[in-house]
């Protein structure tokens, strides 16, 4: 299985984090919010800071996403870079 690592810049509008540069979805992934950063909220395409799953600065989230599971993230203001490690992409 291929492994892909990248930095994704999350903004105040939902940002796709489960996709890869080639547009493929469907893999195991770990997303790390660097220390000193803003809280990032994860969910579906309409995620916001009210109903998203919060991941605080210095923390991470592990997910198994299917092809139909697009995972998005959002921050309250400005932008926040997150480190994404994906396994299982073709």
C-alpha atoms as a PDB file:
ATOM      1  CA  UNK A   1       0.000   0.000   0.000  1.00  0.00           C
ATOM      2  CA  UNK A   2       1.221   3.435  -0.853  1.00  0.00           C
ATOM      3  CA  UNK A   3       1.824   6.099   1.784  1.00  0.00           C
ATOM      4  CA  UNK A   4       1.362   9.819   1.209  1.00  0.00           C
ATOM      5  CA  UNK A   5       2.289  12.712   3.518  1.00  0.00           C
ATOM      6  CA  UNK A   6       1.412  16.332   2.936  1.00  0.00           C
ATOM      7  CA  UNK A   7       0.575  19.597   4.641  1.00  0.00           C
ATOM      8  CA  UNK A   8      -3.018  20.762   4.108  1.00  0.00           C
ATOM      9  CA  UNK A   9      -3.968  24.375   4.811  1.00  0.00           C
ATOM     10  CA  UNK A  10      -7.364  24.461   6.527  1.00  0.00           C
ATOM     11  CA  UNK A  11      -9.388  27.676   6.327  1.00  0.00           C
ATOM     12  CA  UNK A  12     -12.633  29.041   7.748  1.00  0.00           C
ATOM     13  CA  UNK A  13     -14.537  27.296   4.942  1.00  0.00           C
ATOM     14  CA  UNK A  14     -14.632  23.459   4.801  1.00  0.00           C
ATOM     15  CA  UNK A  15     -11.360  22.084   3.398  1.00  0.00           C
ATOM     16  CA  UNK A  16     -11.027  18.515   2.086  1.00  0.00           C
ATOM     17  CA  UNK A  17      -8.378  16.609   4.054  1.00  0.00           C
ATOM     18  CA  UNK A  18      -9.165  13.022   2.980  1.00  0.00           C
ATOM     19  CA  UNK A  19      -8.343  13.597  -0.684  1.00  0.00           C
ATOM     20  CA  UNK A  20      -4.909  13.132  -2.166  1.00  0.00           C
ATOM     21  CA  UNK A  21      -3.116  15.223  -4.777  1.00  0.00           C
ATOM     22  CA  UNK A  22      -4.386  12.792  -7.429  1.00  0.00           C
ATOM     23  CA  UNK A  23      -7.965  13.181  -6.216  1.00  0.00           C
ATOM     24  CA  UNK A  24      -8.263   9.709  -4.693  1.00  0.00           C
ATOM     25  CA  UNK A  25     -10.223   9.142  -1.501  1.00  0.00           C
ATOM     26  CA  UNK A  26     -10.301   6.038   0.673  1.00  0.00           C
ATOM     27  CA  UNK A  27      -7.540   5.288   3.148  1.00  0.00           C
ATOM     28  CA  UNK A  28      -6.397   5.247   6.740  1.00  0.00           C
ATOM     29  CA  UNK A  29      -5.049   8.592   7.822  1.00  0.00           C
ATOM     30  CA  UNK A  30      -3.623  10.499  10.764  1.00  0.00           C
ATOM     31  CA  UNK A  31      -4.014  14.278  10.928  1.00  0.00           C
ATOM     32  CA  UNK A  32      -1.789  16.233  13.338  1.00  0.00           C
ATOM     33  CA  UNK A  33      -2.475  19.826  14.407  1.00  0.00           C
ATOM     34  CA  UNK A  34       0.956  21.340  15.198  1.00  0.00           C
ATOM     35  CA  UNK A  35       1.612  22.740  18.674  1.00  0.00           C
ATOM     36  CA  UNK A  36       0.823  26.439  18.937  1.00  0.00           C
ATOM     37  CA  UNK A  37      -1.860  26.190  16.264  1.00  0.00           C
ATOM     38  CA  UNK A  38      -5.595  26.735  16.285  1.00  0.00           C
ATOM     39  CA  UNK A  39      -8.219  24.107  17.092  1.00  0.00           C
ATOM     40  CA  UNK A  40      -9.349  22.333  13.910  1.00  0.00           C
ATOM     41  CA  UNK A  41     -12.875  20.907  13.549  1.00  0.00           C
ATOM     42  CA  UNK A  42     -13.486  17.773  11.443  1.00  0.00           C
ATOM     43  CA  UNK A  43     -16.657  16.481   9.797  1.00  0.00           C
ATOM     44  CA  UNK A  44     -18.511  16.306   6.495  1.00  0.00           C
ATOM     45  CA  UNK A  45     -18.747  18.849   3.708  1.00  0.00           C
ATOM     46  CA  UNK A  46     -20.780  21.310   5.787  1.00  0.00           C
ATOM     47  CA  UNK A  47     -18.631  21.090   8.940  1.00  0.00           C
ATOM     48  CA  UNK A  48     -18.390  24.209  11.082  1.00  0.00           C
ATOM     49  CA  UNK A  49     -16.931  25.141  14.454  1.00  0.00           C
ATOM     50  CA  UNK A  50     -20.252  24.436  16.185  1.00  0.00           C
ATOM     51  CA  UNK A  51     -20.829  20.836  15.121  1.00  0.00           C
ATOM     52  CA  UNK A  52     -17.373  19.643  14.034  1.00  0.00           C
ATOM     53  CA  UNK A  53     -15.202  17.223  16.010  1.00  0.00           C
ATOM     54  CA  UNK A  54     -12.546  19.437  17.671  1.00  0.00           C
ATOM     55  CA  UNK A  55      -8.847  18.579  17.589  1.00  0.00           C
ATOM     56  CA  UNK A  56      -6.759  20.970  19.677  1.00  0.00           C
ATOM     57  CA  UNK A  57      -3.263  22.283  19.071  1.00  0.00           C
ATOM     58  CA  UNK A  58      -0.667  19.525  19.506  1.00  0.00           C
ATOM     59  CA  UNK A  59      -3.247  16.735  19.155  1.00  0.00           C
ATOM     60  CA  UNK A  60      -4.085  14.337  16.332  1.00  0.00           C
ATOM     61  CA  UNK A  61      -6.984  12.320  14.946  1.00  0.00           C
ATOM     62  CA  UNK A  62      -6.852   8.895  13.266  1.00  0.00           C
ATOM     63  CA  UNK A  63      -9.499   7.900  10.723  1.00  0.00           C
ATOM     64  CA  UNK A  64     -10.329   5.081   8.336  1.00  0.00           C
ATOM     65  CA  UNK A  65     -12.142   6.576   5.348  1.00  0.00           C
ATOM     66  CA  UNK A  66     -13.924   4.664   2.589  1.00  0.00           C
ATOM     67  CA  UNK A  67     -14.050   5.901  -0.987  1.00  0.00           C
ATOM     68  CA  UNK A  68     -17.379   7.611  -0.365  1.00  0.00           C
ATOM     69  CA  UNK A  69     -16.218   9.201   2.931  1.00  0.00           C
ATOM     70  CA  UNK A  70     -14.902  12.686   2.271  1.00  0.00           C
ATOM     71  CA  UNK A  71     -13.481  14.226   5.462  1.00  0.00           C
ATOM     72  CA  UNK A  72     -13.377  18.007   5.765  1.00  0.00           C
ATOM     73  CA  UNK A  73     -11.896  20.378   8.336  1.00  0.00           C
ATOM     74  CA  UNK A  74     -12.441  24.002   9.288  1.00  0.00           C
ATOM     75  CA  UNK A  75     -10.969  26.576  11.696  1.00  0.00           C
ATOM     76  CA  UNK A  76     -12.692  29.518  13.391  1.00  0.00           C
ATOM     77  CA  UNK A  77     -10.624  32.207  11.646  1.00  0.00           C
ATOM     78  CA  UNK A  78      -7.670  32.622   9.289  1.00  0.00           C
ATOM     79  CA  UNK A  79      -5.903  29.365   8.364  1.00  0.00           C
ATOM     80  CA  UNK A  80      -4.138  26.469  10.058  1.00  0.00           C
ATOM     81  CA  UNK A  81      -1.725  24.016   8.463  1.00  0.00           C
ATOM     82  CA  UNK A  82      -2.205  20.360   9.438  1.00  0.00           C
ATOM     83  CA  UNK A  83       0.068  17.409   8.739  1.00  0.00           C
ATOM     84  CA  UNK A  84      -1.723  14.519   7.003  1.00  0.00           C
ATOM     85  CA  UNK A  85      -0.317  10.994   6.682  1.00  0.00           C
ATOM     86  CA  UNK A  86      -2.356   8.610   4.506  1.00  0.00           C
ATOM     87  CA  UNK A  87      -1.959   4.878   3.926  1.00  0.00           C
ATOM     88  CA  UNK A  88      -3.827   2.691   1.464  1.00  0.00           C
ATOM     89  CA  UNK A  89      -3.993   4.945  -1.567  1.00  0.00           C
ATOM     90  CA  UNK A  90      -3.492   3.475  -5.017  1.00  0.00           C
END
